[in-house]
Amino acid sequence: MVNFNVAGKKKEAEPIEEEATGKALVTRFKSAFDVEPFRISFGEYRELIDKIVMEAKGLKIENPDGKVKAVEVGTSASKLMKMIEAKRKEINAPYNEFVGGVNAFANTFTDKLETIIATLKAKIKQYDAMLEQKRREEFLAQQKAHDEMQKKLDKDAKKTGTERVVLPEPTKPAAKEAVRTTTGTSYERTFIRYKVIDVSQVPYEYLVVDEAKVRFAINKNGIREIPGLEIYEEKNPQFRTT
């Protein structure tokens, strides 16, 4: 039997001097977030865990007594896990509040900046699309003029019996270059995306079962038959501590 009375006792935290700003504030935070004292405080569980591990490894269930022993060791492990988890949450609580407060305060600034960045990217994308359309139209016009002139020259060469003159192909629009400024650079990056046009045409290997809907249908709606699926019971041991 594991004795839990030796673990879980609270220890008084050392007082931290309050400072306002600068290096003293950084030093204060480093001291407050030093994990070593907490690591040492968790050391009290090591002996209990080692004992449970040894009992579990050497345990053989060959009769009812063996099963009772397994339940005893398993529930002891579960109880110890709850104690450790409770201590972890207790230690983390003030720091979670601190981190949450800092994040919330910083987000009041970064949220505005993210909105600005997204807006400017959308404007640049719209402008680039307009330029791309203009370049495409100009290139098509040049290609059309080239083809018409080439046909005329070919016709004249055939009529006069002279050597055929081949015009150079129109130059394709140059790729967009990065925009460099004193504060940074903007460039274009290509991503391969997709969208579903007709799901009935998608090969089955690219489709997945909606596990959340299946579980809801089974557990909430009591459905026990779904075409293509086998619904079965699986019994697993559970531990409840006292």
C-alpha atoms as a PDB file:
ATOM      1  CA  MET A   1       0.000   0.000   0.000  1.00  0.00           C
ATOM      2  CA  VAL A   2       1.311   3.438  -0.913  1.00  0.00           C
ATOM      3  CA  ASN A   3       1.409   6.042   1.866  1.00  0.00           C
ATOM      4  CA  PHE A   4       0.245   9.354   0.395  1.00  0.00           C
ATOM      5  CA  ASN A   5       0.678  11.324   3.624  1.00  0.00           C
ATOM      6  CA  VAL A   6       4.353  12.011   2.900  1.00  0.00           C
ATOM      7  CA  ALA A   7       3.502  13.855  -0.312  1.00  0.00           C
ATOM      8  CA  GLY A   8       1.474  16.871  -1.212  1.00  0.00           C
ATOM      9  CA  LYS A   9       2.478  19.089   1.712  1.00  0.00           C
ATOM     10  CA  LYS A  10       2.611  22.779   0.808  1.00  0.00           C
ATOM     11  CA  LYS A  11       5.870  24.686   1.162  1.00  0.00           C
ATOM     12  CA  GLU A  12       6.029  28.425   1.707  1.00  0.00           C
ATOM     13  CA  ALA A  13       7.421  30.269  -1.295  1.00  0.00           C
ATOM     14  CA  GLU A  14      10.319  32.649  -0.698  1.00  0.00           C
ATOM     15  CA  PRO A  15       9.268  36.312  -0.854  1.00  0.00           C
ATOM     16  CA  ILE A  16      10.168  38.228  -4.006  1.00  0.00           C
ATOM     17  CA  GLU A  17      11.168  41.837  -3.756  1.00  0.00           C
ATOM     18  CA  GLU A  18       8.980  44.104  -5.833  1.00  0.00           C
ATOM     19  CA  GLU A  19      10.722  46.232  -8.454  1.00  0.00           C
ATOM     20  CA  ALA A  20       9.216  48.501 -11.066  1.00  0.00           C
ATOM     21  CA  THR A  21      11.253  48.576 -14.266  1.00  0.00           C
ATOM     22  CA  GLY A  22      14.576  47.845 -15.924  1.00  0.00           C
ATOM     23  CA  LYS A  23      17.117  45.172 -15.057  1.00  0.00           C
ATOM     24  CA  ALA A  24      15.695  44.742 -11.554  1.00  0.00           C
ATOM     25  CA  LEU A  25      12.354  43.746 -13.092  1.00  0.00           C
ATOM     26  CA  VAL A  26      14.037  41.195 -15.350  1.00  0.00           C
ATOM     27  CA  THR A  27      15.938  39.791 -12.370  1.00  0.00           C
ATOM     28  CA  ARG A  28      12.693  39.532 -10.416  1.00  0.00           C
ATOM     29  CA  PHE A  29      11.005  37.596 -13.214  1.00  0.00           C
ATOM     30  CA  LYS A  30      13.963  35.250 -13.610  1.00  0.00           C
ATOM     31  CA  SER A  31      13.821  34.506  -9.902  1.00  0.00           C
ATOM     32  CA  ALA A  32      10.054  34.020  -9.933  1.00  0.00           C
ATOM     33  CA  PHE A  33      10.213  31.661 -12.893  1.00  0.00           C
ATOM     34  CA  ASP A  34      13.126  29.593 -11.597  1.00  0.00           C
ATOM     35  CA  VAL A  35      11.883  26.026 -12.000  1.00  0.00           C
ATOM     36  CA  GLU A  36      14.502  24.437  -9.747  1.00  0.00           C
ATOM     37  CA  PRO A  37      12.608  24.892  -6.430  1.00  0.00           C
ATOM     38  CA  PHE A  38       9.499  23.354  -8.010  1.00  0.00           C
ATOM     39  CA  ARG A  39      11.514  20.492  -9.458  1.00  0.00           C
ATOM     40  CA  ILE A  40      12.873  19.767  -5.989  1.00  0.00           C
ATOM     41  CA  SER A  41       9.375  19.907  -4.464  1.00  0.00           C
ATOM     42  CA  PHE A  42       8.184  17.253  -6.925  1.00  0.00           C
ATOM     43  CA  GLY A  43      11.014  15.002  -5.793  1.00  0.00           C
ATOM     44  CA  GLU A  44       8.843  13.838  -2.896  1.00  0.00           C
ATOM     45  CA  TYR A  45       6.800  11.798  -5.354  1.00  0.00           C
ATOM     46  CA  ARG A  46       9.767   9.912  -6.827  1.00  0.00           C
ATOM     47  CA  GLU A  47       9.918   7.218  -4.139  1.00  0.00           C
ATOM     48  CA  LEU A  48       6.163   6.613  -4.341  1.00  0.00           C
ATOM     49  CA  ILE A  49       6.281   6.357  -8.145  1.00  0.00           C
ATOM     50  CA  ASP A  50       9.250   3.986  -8.067  1.00  0.00           C
ATOM     51  CA  LYS A  51       7.382   1.734  -5.648  1.00  0.00           C
ATOM     52  CA  ILE A  52       4.275   1.670  -7.842  1.00  0.00           C
ATOM     53  CA  VAL A  53       6.389   0.933 -10.926  1.00  0.00           C
ATOM     54  CA  MET A  54       8.080  -2.008  -9.218  1.00  0.00           C
ATOM     55  CA  GLU A  55       4.758  -3.410  -7.996  1.00  0.00           C
ATOM     56  CA  ALA A  56       3.190  -3.081 -11.452  1.00  0.00           C
ATOM     57  CA  LYS A  57       6.123  -4.736 -13.234  1.00  0.00           C
ATOM     58  CA  GLY A  58       6.167  -7.725 -10.910  1.00  0.00           C
ATOM     59  CA  LEU A  59       2.401  -8.175 -10.836  1.00  0.00           C
ATOM     60  CA  LYS A  60       0.840 -11.251 -12.450  1.00  0.00           C
ATOM     61  CA  ILE A  61      -2.905 -11.643 -12.657  1.00  0.00           C
ATOM     62  CA  GLU A  62      -3.690 -15.345 -12.480  1.00  0.00           C
ATOM     63  CA  ASN A  63      -6.548 -15.366  -9.969  1.00  0.00           C
ATOM     64  CA  PRO A  64      -9.075 -13.005  -8.307  1.00  0.00           C
ATOM     65  CA  ASP A  65      -6.505 -11.916  -5.702  1.00  0.00           C
ATOM     66  CA  GLY A  66      -4.149 -10.874  -8.491  1.00  0.00           C
ATOM     67  CA  LYS A  67      -6.860  -8.777 -10.063  1.00  0.00           C
ATOM     68  CA  VAL A  68      -7.602  -7.117  -6.709  1.00  0.00           C
ATOM     69  CA  LYS A  69      -3.910  -6.297  -6.340  1.00  0.00           C
ATOM     70  CA  ALA A  70      -3.829  -4.839  -9.857  1.00  0.00           C
ATOM     71  CA  VAL A  71      -6.778  -2.611  -9.042  1.00  0.00           C
ATOM     72  CA  GLU A  72      -5.075  -1.503  -5.826  1.00  0.00           C
ATOM     73  CA  VAL A  73      -1.856  -0.588  -7.647  1.00  0.00           C
ATOM     74  CA  GLY A  74      -3.738   1.025 -10.540  1.00  0.00           C
ATOM     75  CA  THR A  75      -5.929   3.185  -8.328  1.00  0.00           C
ATOM     76  CA  SER A  76      -2.862   4.170  -6.301  1.00  0.00           C
ATOM     77  CA  ALA A  77      -1.214   5.331  -9.517  1.00  0.00           C
ATOM     78  CA  SER A  78      -4.364   7.227 -10.500  1.00  0.00           C
ATOM     79  CA  LYS A  79      -4.568   8.909  -7.109  1.00  0.00           C
ATOM     80  CA  LEU A  80      -0.914   9.934  -7.295  1.00  0.00           C
ATOM     81  CA  MET A  81      -1.456  11.333 -10.780  1.00  0.00           C
ATOM     82  CA  LYS A  82      -4.329  13.471  -9.492  1.00  0.00           C
ATOM     83  CA  MET A  83      -2.167  14.758  -6.632  1.00  0.00           C
ATOM     84  CA  ILE A  84       0.656  15.698  -9.006  1.00  0.00           C
ATOM     85  CA  GLU A  85      -1.744  17.301 -11.474  1.00  0.00           C
ATOM     86  CA  ALA A  86      -3.369  19.321  -8.675  1.00  0.00           C
ATOM     87  CA  LYS A  87       0.032  20.525  -7.501  1.00  0.00           C
ATOM     88  CA  ARG A  88       1.061  21.397 -11.043  1.00  0.00           C
ATOM     89  CA  LYS A  89      -2.093  23.481 -11.522  1.00  0.00           C
ATOM     90  CA  GLU A  90      -1.610  25.169  -8.146  1.00  0.00           C
ATOM     91  CA  ILE A  91       1.961  26.161  -9.031  1.00  0.00           C
ATOM     92  CA  ASN A  92       1.037  27.304 -12.528  1.00  0.00           C
ATOM     93  CA  ALA A  93      -2.075  29.276 -11.551  1.00  0.00           C
ATOM     94  CA  PRO A  94      -0.442  32.658 -10.783  1.00  0.00           C
ATOM     95  CA  TYR A  95       1.867  32.354 -13.773  1.00  0.00           C
ATOM     96  CA  ASN A  96      -1.002  31.472 -16.096  1.00  0.00           C
ATOM     97  CA  GLU A  97      -2.792  34.593 -14.931  1.00  0.00           C
ATOM     98  CA  PHE A  98       0.365  36.627 -15.487  1.00  0.00           C
ATOM     99  CA  VAL A  99       0.951  35.213 -18.987  1.00  0.00           C
ATOM    100  CA  GLY A 100      -2.698  35.679 -19.889  1.00  0.00           C
ATOM    101  CA  GLY A 101      -2.581  39.292 -18.745  1.00  0.00           C
ATOM    102  CA  VAL A 102       0.600  40.046 -20.698  1.00  0.00           C
ATOM    103  CA  ASN A 103      -0.785  38.361 -23.832  1.00  0.00           C
ATOM    104  CA  ALA A 104      -4.091  40.228 -23.590  1.00  0.00           C
ATOM    105  CA  PHE A 105      -2.278  43.545 -23.158  1.00  0.00           C
ATOM    106  CA  ALA A 106       0.126  42.875 -26.052  1.00  0.00           C
ATOM    107  CA  ASN A 107      -2.750  41.722 -28.278  1.00  0.00           C
ATOM    108  CA  THR A 108      -4.389  45.139 -28.028  1.00  0.00           C
ATOM    109  CA  PHE A 109      -1.432  46.375 -30.081  1.00  0.00           C
ATOM    110  CA  THR A 110      -0.631  43.380 -32.303  1.00  0.00           C
ATOM    111  CA  ASP A 111      -4.277  42.882 -33.322  1.00  0.00           C
ATOM    112  CA  LYS A 112      -4.320  46.359 -34.850  1.00  0.00           C
ATOM    113  CA  LEU A 113      -1.004  45.777 -36.602  1.00  0.00           C
ATOM    114  CA  GLU A 114      -2.151  42.398 -37.973  1.00  0.00           C
ATOM    115  CA  THR A 115      -5.246  44.100 -39.383  1.00  0.00           C
ATOM    116  CA  ILE A 116      -3.070  46.752 -41.026  1.00  0.00           C
ATOM    117  CA  ILE A 117      -0.742  44.121 -42.510  1.00  0.00           C
ATOM    118  CA  ALA A 118      -3.659  42.058 -43.853  1.00  0.00           C
ATOM    119  CA  THR A 119      -5.273  45.169 -45.366  1.00  0.00           C
ATOM    120  CA  LEU A 120      -2.059  46.284 -47.077  1.00  0.00           C
ATOM    121  CA  LYS A 121      -1.405  42.788 -48.443  1.00  0.00           C
ATOM    122  CA  ALA A 122      -4.927  42.728 -49.889  1.00  0.00           C
ATOM    123  CA  LYS A 123      -4.363  46.104 -51.551  1.00  0.00           C
ATOM    124  CA  ILE A 124      -1.008  45.003 -52.982  1.00  0.00           C
ATOM    125  CA  LYS A 125      -2.563  41.776 -54.242  1.00  0.00           C
ATOM    126  CA  GLN A 126      -5.369  43.713 -55.929  1.00  0.00           C
ATOM    127  CA  TYR A 127      -2.859  46.101 -57.535  1.00  0.00           C
ATOM    128  CA  ASP A 128      -0.643  43.220 -58.722  1.00  0.00           C
ATOM    129  CA  ALA A 129      -3.682  41.467 -60.217  1.00  0.00           C
ATOM    130  CA  MET A 130      -4.538  44.632 -62.132  1.00  0.00           C
ATOM    131  CA  LEU A 131      -0.973  44.902 -63.464  1.00  0.00           C
ATOM    132  CA  GLU A 132      -0.949  41.222 -64.388  1.00  0.00           C
ATOM    133  CA  GLN A 133      -4.191  41.616 -66.338  1.00  0.00           C
ATOM    134  CA  LYS A 134      -2.764  44.650 -68.127  1.00  0.00           C
ATOM    135  CA  ARG A 135       0.470  42.788 -68.984  1.00  0.00           C
ATOM    136  CA  ARG A 136      -1.517  39.819 -70.281  1.00  0.00           C
ATOM    137  CA  GLU A 137      -3.683  42.012 -72.488  1.00  0.00           C
ATOM    138  CA  GLU A 138      -0.624  43.816 -73.876  1.00  0.00           C
ATOM    139  CA  PHE A 139       1.144  40.537 -74.582  1.00  0.00           C
ATOM    140  CA  LEU A 140      -1.924  39.088 -76.354  1.00  0.00           C
ATOM    141  CA  ALA A 141      -2.171  42.251 -78.455  1.00  0.00           C
ATOM    142  CA  GLN A 142       1.520  41.977 -79.367  1.00  0.00           C
ATOM    143  CA  GLN A 143       1.094  38.283 -80.167  1.00  0.00           C
ATOM    144  CA  LYS A 144      -1.883  39.025 -82.417  1.00  0.00           C
ATOM    145  CA  ALA A 145      -0.032  41.806 -84.232  1.00  0.00           C
ATOM    146  CA  HIS A 146       2.997  39.522 -84.621  1.00  0.00           C
ATOM    147  CA  ASP A 147       0.920  36.686 -86.092  1.00  0.00           C
ATOM    148  CA  GLU A 148      -0.858  39.004 -88.521  1.00  0.00           C
ATOM    149  CA  MET A 149       2.406  40.543 -89.695  1.00  0.00           C
ATOM    150  CA  GLN A 150       4.037  37.117 -90.008  1.00  0.00           C
ATOM    151  CA  LYS A 151       1.165  35.913 -92.187  1.00  0.00           C
ATOM    152  CA  LYS A 152       1.502  38.994 -94.402  1.00  0.00           C
ATOM    153  CA  LEU A 153       5.255  38.516 -94.784  1.00  0.00           C
ATOM    154  CA  ASP A 154       4.818  34.812 -95.549  1.00  0.00           C
ATOM    155  CA  LYS A 155       2.209  35.654 -98.165  1.00  0.00           C
ATOM    156  CA  ASP A 156       4.457  38.293 -99.773  1.00  0.00           C
ATOM    157  CA  ALA A 157       7.467  35.946 -99.756  1.00  0.00           C
ATOM    158  CA  LYS A 158       5.468  33.210-101.444  1.00  0.00           C
ATOM    159  CA  LYS A 159       4.069  35.638-103.994  1.00  0.00           C
ATOM    160  CA  THR A 160       7.433  37.146-104.918  1.00  0.00           C
ATOM    161  CA  GLY A 161       9.392  33.920-104.500  1.00  0.00           C
ATOM    162  CA  THR A 162      11.788  35.478-102.049  1.00  0.00           C
ATOM    163  CA  GLU A 163      13.217  34.010 -98.836  1.00  0.00           C
ATOM    164  CA  ARG A 164      10.797  33.882 -95.913  1.00  0.00           C
ATOM    165  CA  VAL A 165      11.397  36.451 -93.156  1.00  0.00           C
ATOM    166  CA  VAL A 166      10.750  35.197 -89.607  1.00  0.00           C
ATOM    167  CA  LEU A 167       9.807  37.828 -87.066  1.00  0.00           C
ATOM    168  CA  PRO A 168      11.042  37.466 -83.454  1.00  0.00           C
ATOM    169  CA  GLU A 169       8.434  36.290 -80.977  1.00  0.00           C
ATOM    170  CA  PRO A 170       6.995  38.926 -78.637  1.00  0.00           C
ATOM    171  CA  THR A 171       8.716  39.096 -75.263  1.00  0.00           C
ATOM    172  CA  LYS A 172       6.661  37.707 -72.397  1.00  0.00           C
ATOM    173  CA  PRO A 173       6.024  40.071 -69.459  1.00  0.00           C
ATOM    174  CA  ALA A 174       8.805  39.994 -66.911  1.00  0.00           C
ATOM    175  CA  ALA A 175       8.117  38.415 -63.542  1.00  0.00           C
ATOM    176  CA  LYS A 176       7.253  40.795 -60.731  1.00  0.00           C
ATOM    177  CA  GLU A 177      10.304  41.912 -58.813  1.00  0.00           C
ATOM    178  CA  ALA A 178      10.591  42.305 -55.066  1.00  0.00           C
ATOM    179  CA  VAL A 179       9.952  45.790 -53.723  1.00  0.00           C
ATOM    180  CA  ARG A 180      12.771  46.932 -51.468  1.00  0.00           C
ATOM    181  CA  THR A 181      12.538  49.843 -49.061  1.00  0.00           C
ATOM    182  CA  THR A 182      14.574  51.150 -46.157  1.00  0.00           C
ATOM    183  CA  THR A 183      12.279  49.291 -43.730  1.00  0.00           C
ATOM    184  CA  GLY A 184      12.000  45.951 -45.498  1.00  0.00           C
ATOM    185  CA  THR A 185      11.079  43.989 -48.610  1.00  0.00           C
ATOM    186  CA  SER A 186       7.864  42.733 -50.199  1.00  0.00           C
ATOM    187  CA  TYR A 187       7.896  39.787 -52.572  1.00  0.00           C
ATOM    188  CA  GLU A 188       5.391  37.374 -54.069  1.00  0.00           C
ATOM    189  CA  ARG A 189       5.208  33.758 -52.975  1.00  0.00           C
ATOM    190  CA  THR A 190       3.219  31.127 -54.848  1.00  0.00           C
ATOM    191  CA  PHE A 191       1.040  28.619 -52.986  1.00  0.00           C
ATOM    192  CA  ILE A 192      -0.728  25.630 -54.515  1.00  0.00           C
ATOM    193  CA  ARG A 193      -4.363  25.610 -53.359  1.00  0.00           C
ATOM    194  CA  TYR A 194      -7.443  23.612 -54.245  1.00  0.00           C
ATOM    195  CA  LYS A 195     -11.207  23.834 -53.987  1.00  0.00           C
ATOM    196  CA  VAL A 196     -13.831  21.127 -54.361  1.00  0.00           C
ATOM    197  CA  ILE A 197     -15.808  21.415 -57.600  1.00  0.00           C
ATOM    198  CA  ASP A 198     -17.664  18.072 -57.536  1.00  0.00           C
ATOM    199  CA  VAL A 199     -17.125  15.842 -54.507  1.00  0.00           C
ATOM    200  CA  SER A 200     -18.668  12.869 -56.320  1.00  0.00           C
ATOM    201  CA  GLN A 201     -15.719  12.914 -58.731  1.00  0.00           C
ATOM    202  CA  VAL A 202     -13.031  12.955 -56.020  1.00  0.00           C
ATOM    203  CA  PRO A 203     -11.179   9.576 -55.780  1.00  0.00           C
ATOM    204  CA  TYR A 204     -12.091   7.744 -52.572  1.00  0.00           C
ATOM    205  CA  GLU A 205      -8.458   7.695 -51.329  1.00  0.00           C
ATOM    206  CA  TYR A 206      -8.697  11.481 -50.879  1.00  0.00           C
ATOM    207  CA  LEU A 207     -11.860  11.282 -48.784  1.00  0.00           C
ATOM    208  CA  VAL A 208     -11.973  10.784 -45.011  1.00  0.00           C
ATOM    209  CA  VAL A 209     -14.676   9.599 -42.632  1.00  0.00           C
ATOM    210  CA  ASP A 210     -16.085  12.383 -40.440  1.00  0.00           C
ATOM    211  CA  GLU A 211     -15.205  10.756 -37.114  1.00  0.00           C
ATOM    212  CA  ALA A 212     -16.942  13.444 -35.064  1.00  0.00           C
ATOM    213  CA  LYS A 213     -20.256  12.859 -36.846  1.00  0.00           C
ATOM    214  CA  VAL A 214     -19.905   9.089 -36.547  1.00  0.00           C
ATOM    215  CA  ARG A 215     -19.246   9.292 -32.805  1.00  0.00           C
ATOM    216  CA  PHE A 216     -22.170  11.699 -32.345  1.00  0.00           C
ATOM    217  CA  ALA A 217     -24.470   9.347 -34.248  1.00  0.00           C
ATOM    218  CA  ILE A 218     -23.357   6.370 -32.140  1.00  0.00           C
ATOM    219  CA  ASN A 219     -23.133   7.989 -28.712  1.00  0.00           C
ATOM    220  CA  LYS A 220     -25.913  10.587 -28.891  1.00  0.00           C
ATOM    221  CA  ASN A 221     -28.393   9.195 -31.396  1.00  0.00           C
ATOM    222  CA  GLY A 222     -27.910   5.533 -30.527  1.00  0.00           C
ATOM    223  CA  ILE A 223     -27.270   4.480 -34.131  1.00  0.00           C
ATOM    224  CA  ARG A 224     -25.813   0.990 -34.368  1.00  0.00           C
ATOM    225  CA  GLU A 225     -25.771   0.408 -38.122  1.00  0.00           C
ATOM    226  CA  ILE A 226     -23.953   2.573 -40.680  1.00  0.00           C
ATOM    227  CA  PRO A 227     -23.209   1.181 -44.161  1.00  0.00           C
ATOM    228  CA  GLY A 228     -19.508   0.496 -44.579  1.00  0.00           C
ATOM    229  CA  LEU A 229     -18.764   0.698 -40.848  1.00  0.00           C
ATOM    230  CA  GLU A 230     -18.616  -1.962 -38.149  1.00  0.00           C
ATOM    231  CA  ILE A 231     -19.952  -0.683 -34.844  1.00  0.00           C
ATOM    232  CA  TYR A 232     -18.858  -2.807 -31.907  1.00  0.00           C
ATOM    233  CA  GLU A 233     -18.330  -2.699 -28.150  1.00  0.00           C
ATOM    234  CA  GLU A 234     -14.879  -2.542 -26.593  1.00  0.00           C
ATOM    235  CA  LYS A 235     -14.581  -3.003 -22.846  1.00  0.00           C
ATOM    236  CA  ASN A 236     -11.631  -1.372 -21.056  1.00  0.00           C
ATOM    237  CA  PRO A 237     -10.819  -1.404 -17.316  1.00  0.00           C
ATOM    238  CA  GLN A 238     -11.357   1.923 -15.530  1.00  0.00           C
ATOM    239  CA  PHE A 239     -10.064   3.084 -12.138  1.00  0.00           C
ATOM    240  CA  ARG A 240     -11.989   5.223  -9.640  1.00  0.00           C
ATOM    241  CA  THR A 241     -10.032   6.464  -6.611  1.00  0.00           C
ATOM    242  CA  THR A 242     -11.459   6.804  -3.122  1.00  0.00           C
END
